[in-house]
Amino acid sequence: MEKRQPYTIKELDYIADRVAEQVISHINHRDELLTTAQVAEMLGISTNAVRQRCRAGSLPGKKRGKYYYFNRKDIIKLTT
């Protein structure tokens, strides 16, 4: 098995920059998403009502696994 030479400073800087971009992107994206409970609180309805409206298509949500997530901007548009 060949032993890999250690990374150069330039390579490490590049890797660190890419990782930092991914972390920042993830944090920004997470802040834009709302959970079912957060949407229910914003709209003054139950979490079951949020899920029912999402399934019916009257709330713009996405299901990931067993959970629904909502774009903050879309929900704010509905409340104004």
N, C-alpha and C. Protein backbone atom coordinates (compact mmCIF):
# COMPACT_ATOMS: atom_id res chain seq x y z
N MET A 1 0.85 -1.17 0.00
CA MET A 1 0.00 0.00 0.00
C MET A 1 0.90 1.24 0.00
N GLU A 2 0.63 2.11 -0.96
CA GLU A 2 1.43 3.33 -1.05
C GLU A 2 1.03 4.32 0.04
N LYS A 3 2.02 4.96 0.58
CA LYS A 3 1.76 5.98 1.59
C LYS A 3 1.61 7.32 0.89
N ARG A 4 0.54 8.04 1.17
CA ARG A 4 0.29 9.33 0.55
C ARG A 4 1.15 10.39 1.21
N GLN A 5 1.66 11.28 0.39
CA GLN A 5 2.43 12.40 0.90
C GLN A 5 1.48 13.34 1.66
N PRO A 6 1.95 14.01 2.67
CA PRO A 6 1.09 14.95 3.40
C PRO A 6 0.58 16.05 2.46
N TYR A 7 -0.57 16.57 2.80
CA TYR A 7 -1.13 17.68 2.01
C TYR A 7 -0.23 18.91 2.11
N THR A 8 -0.21 19.67 1.04
CA THR A 8 0.53 20.93 1.07
C THR A 8 -0.35 21.98 1.74
N ILE A 9 0.26 23.08 2.12
CA ILE A 9 -0.49 24.17 2.73
C ILE A 9 -1.56 24.68 1.75
N LYS A 10 -1.21 24.77 0.49
CA LYS A 10 -2.16 25.24 -0.52
C LYS A 10 -3.36 24.29 -0.61
N GLU A 11 -3.11 22.99 -0.59
CA GLU A 11 -4.20 22.01 -0.64
C GLU A 11 -5.08 22.10 0.61
N LEU A 12 -4.44 22.24 1.76
CA LEU A 12 -5.19 22.36 3.01
C LEU A 12 -6.05 23.62 3.03
N ASP A 13 -5.51 24.73 2.53
CA ASP A 13 -6.29 25.97 2.45
C ASP A 13 -7.50 25.79 1.55
N TYR A 14 -7.30 25.13 0.42
CA TYR A 14 -8.41 24.89 -0.51
C TYR A 14 -9.48 24.02 0.16
N ILE A 15 -9.07 22.96 0.82
CA ILE A 15 -10.02 22.08 1.50
C ILE A 15 -10.77 22.84 2.59
N ALA A 16 -10.05 23.63 3.37
CA ALA A 16 -10.68 24.41 4.44
C ALA A 16 -11.70 25.39 3.89
N ASP A 17 -11.38 26.03 2.76
CA ASP A 17 -12.32 26.97 2.14
C ASP A 17 -13.59 26.25 1.69
N ARG A 18 -13.44 25.07 1.08
CA ARG A 18 -14.62 24.32 0.61
C ARG A 18 -15.48 23.88 1.78
N VAL A 19 -14.85 23.42 2.85
CA VAL A 19 -15.59 22.99 4.03
C VAL A 19 -16.33 24.17 4.64
N ALA A 20 -15.67 25.31 4.75
CA ALA A 20 -16.30 26.51 5.30
C ALA A 20 -17.51 26.93 4.46
N GLU A 21 -17.39 26.87 3.14
CA GLU A 21 -18.51 27.22 2.26
C GLU A 21 -19.69 26.28 2.50
N GLN A 22 -19.41 24.99 2.65
CA GLN A 22 -20.48 24.02 2.88
C GLN A 22 -21.16 24.26 4.23
N VAL A 23 -20.38 24.55 5.24
CA VAL A 23 -20.95 24.79 6.57
C VAL A 23 -21.83 26.04 6.55
N ILE A 24 -21.34 27.11 5.95
CA ILE A 24 -22.11 28.35 5.87
C ILE A 24 -23.39 28.14 5.07
N SER A 25 -23.29 27.42 3.96
CA SER A 25 -24.46 27.13 3.15
C SER A 25 -25.48 26.32 3.94
N HIS A 26 -25.01 25.35 4.68
CA HIS A 26 -25.92 24.52 5.48
C HIS A 26 -26.60 25.35 6.56
N ILE A 27 -25.85 26.21 7.23
CA ILE A 27 -26.43 27.05 8.28
C ILE A 27 -27.47 28.00 7.69
N ASN A 28 -27.14 28.64 6.57
CA ASN A 28 -28.09 29.56 5.94
C ASN A 28 -29.33 28.83 5.48
N HIS A 29 -29.17 27.65 4.90
CA HIS A 29 -30.31 26.89 4.41
C HIS A 29 -31.18 26.44 5.58
N ARG A 30 -30.56 26.00 6.65
CA ARG A 30 -31.31 25.55 7.83
C ARG A 30 -32.13 26.69 8.41
N ASP A 31 -31.58 27.91 8.43
CA ASP A 31 -32.29 29.04 8.99
C ASP A 31 -33.51 29.42 8.14
N GLU A 32 -33.51 29.06 6.87
CA GLU A 32 -34.62 29.37 5.99
C GLU A 32 -35.74 28.35 6.10
N LEU A 33 -35.47 27.19 6.69
CA LEU A 33 -36.46 26.13 6.78
C LEU A 33 -37.17 26.18 8.13
N LEU A 34 -38.46 25.87 8.09
CA LEU A 34 -39.27 25.81 9.30
C LEU A 34 -39.80 24.40 9.48
N THR A 35 -39.99 24.00 10.72
CA THR A 35 -40.59 22.71 11.01
C THR A 35 -42.11 22.85 11.07
N THR A 36 -42.78 21.73 11.13
CA THR A 36 -44.24 21.72 11.24
C THR A 36 -44.69 22.50 12.47
N ALA A 37 -44.00 22.31 13.59
CA ALA A 37 -44.37 23.00 14.83
C ALA A 37 -44.20 24.51 14.69
N GLN A 38 -43.14 24.95 14.04
CA GLN A 38 -42.91 26.38 13.86
C GLN A 38 -43.99 27.00 12.97
N VAL A 39 -44.37 26.29 11.90
CA VAL A 39 -45.42 26.79 11.01
C VAL A 39 -46.75 26.84 11.75
N ALA A 40 -47.03 25.81 12.52
CA ALA A 40 -48.28 25.78 13.29
C ALA A 40 -48.37 26.98 14.22
N GLU A 41 -47.27 27.29 14.87
CA GLU A 41 -47.25 28.45 15.79
C GLU A 41 -47.46 29.75 15.02
N MET A 42 -46.80 29.87 13.87
CA MET A 42 -46.93 31.10 13.07
C MET A 42 -48.36 31.30 12.57
N LEU A 43 -49.02 30.20 12.19
CA LEU A 43 -50.36 30.29 11.61
C LEU A 43 -51.47 30.17 12.65
N GLY A 44 -51.10 29.80 13.87
CA GLY A 44 -52.09 29.66 14.94
C GLY A 44 -52.99 28.45 14.74
N ILE A 45 -52.43 27.37 14.19
CA ILE A 45 -53.19 26.14 13.99
C ILE A 45 -52.38 24.98 14.57
N SER A 46 -53.00 23.80 14.62
CA SER A 46 -52.32 22.64 15.18
C SER A 46 -51.32 22.06 14.18
N THR A 47 -50.40 21.25 14.69
CA THR A 47 -49.44 20.60 13.81
C THR A 47 -50.14 19.62 12.88
N ASN A 48 -51.21 18.98 13.36
CA ASN A 48 -51.97 18.07 12.49
C ASN A 48 -52.60 18.84 11.34
N ALA A 49 -53.11 20.03 11.61
CA ALA A 49 -53.71 20.86 10.56
C ALA A 49 -52.65 21.27 9.53
N VAL A 50 -51.45 21.55 10.00
CA VAL A 50 -50.36 21.91 9.08
C VAL A 50 -50.07 20.73 8.15
N ARG A 51 -49.95 19.53 8.71
CA ARG A 51 -49.67 18.35 7.88
C ARG A 51 -50.81 18.08 6.90
N GLN A 52 -52.05 18.23 7.36
CA GLN A 52 -53.20 18.01 6.48
C GLN A 52 -53.21 19.02 5.33
N ARG A 53 -52.94 20.28 5.63
CA ARG A 53 -52.93 21.31 4.58
C ARG A 53 -51.78 21.09 3.61
N CYS A 54 -50.67 20.60 4.11
CA CYS A 54 -49.54 20.32 3.23
C CYS A 54 -49.88 19.17 2.29
N ARG A 55 -50.47 18.11 2.83
CA ARG A 55 -50.87 16.98 1.98
C ARG A 55 -51.91 17.40 0.95
N ALA A 56 -52.80 18.33 1.33
CA ALA A 56 -53.85 18.81 0.42
C ALA A 56 -53.29 19.80 -0.61
N GLY A 57 -52.09 20.31 -0.37
CA GLY A 57 -51.48 21.24 -1.31
C GLY A 57 -51.73 22.70 -1.01
N SER A 58 -52.40 23.00 0.09
CA SER A 58 -52.67 24.40 0.41
C SER A 58 -51.53 25.06 1.19
N LEU A 59 -50.59 24.26 1.66
CA LEU A 59 -49.37 24.80 2.28
C LEU A 59 -48.17 24.26 1.49
N PRO A 60 -47.25 25.14 1.12
CA PRO A 60 -46.10 24.72 0.31
C PRO A 60 -44.98 24.10 1.15
N GLY A 61 -45.10 22.83 1.45
CA GLY A 61 -44.08 22.16 2.24
C GLY A 61 -43.48 20.98 1.49
N LYS A 62 -42.36 20.53 1.98
CA LYS A 62 -41.68 19.36 1.41
C LYS A 62 -41.53 18.32 2.49
N LYS A 63 -41.76 17.08 2.13
CA LYS A 63 -41.58 16.00 3.08
C LYS A 63 -40.21 15.38 2.87
N ARG A 64 -39.45 15.31 3.93
CA ARG A 64 -38.13 14.66 3.91
C ARG A 64 -38.16 13.57 4.96
N GLY A 65 -38.17 12.35 4.50
CA GLY A 65 -38.33 11.24 5.44
C GLY A 65 -39.74 11.29 5.98
N LYS A 66 -39.87 11.33 7.30
CA LYS A 66 -41.21 11.39 7.88
C LYS A 66 -41.58 12.80 8.35
N TYR A 67 -40.75 13.78 8.06
CA TYR A 67 -41.00 15.15 8.51
C TYR A 67 -41.27 16.09 7.35
N TYR A 68 -42.09 17.10 7.61
CA TYR A 68 -42.33 18.18 6.64
C TYR A 68 -41.46 19.36 7.00
N TYR A 69 -40.98 20.05 5.98
CA TYR A 69 -40.22 21.29 6.15
C TYR A 69 -40.80 22.34 5.23
N PHE A 70 -40.73 23.58 5.67
CA PHE A 70 -41.34 24.68 4.95
C PHE A 70 -40.34 25.81 4.79
N ASN A 71 -40.40 26.47 3.65
CA ASN A 71 -39.55 27.62 3.40
C ASN A 71 -40.12 28.81 4.16
N ARG A 72 -39.30 29.46 4.97
CA ARG A 72 -39.75 30.58 5.78
C ARG A 72 -40.42 31.67 4.94
N LYS A 73 -39.83 31.99 3.79
CA LYS A 73 -40.36 33.05 2.94
C LYS A 73 -41.76 32.72 2.44
N ASP A 74 -42.00 31.42 2.10
CA ASP A 74 -43.32 31.02 1.62
C ASP A 74 -44.37 31.18 2.71
N ILE A 75 -44.02 30.83 3.93
CA ILE A 75 -44.98 30.94 5.03
C ILE A 75 -45.24 32.39 5.39
N ILE A 76 -44.21 33.22 5.34
CA ILE A 76 -44.39 34.65 5.63
C ILE A 76 -45.32 35.28 4.60
N LYS A 77 -45.20 34.87 3.34
CA LYS A 77 -46.11 35.38 2.30
C LYS A 77 -47.56 35.04 2.63
N LEU A 78 -47.79 33.86 3.19
CA LEU A 78 -49.15 33.45 3.52
C LEU A 78 -49.73 34.25 4.69
N THR A 79 -48.86 34.73 5.57
CA THR A 79 -49.34 35.45 6.76
C THR A 79 -49.52 36.94 6.53
N THR A 80 -49.07 37.43 5.38
CA THR A 80 -49.21 38.87 5.13
C THR A 80 -50.35 39.16 4.19
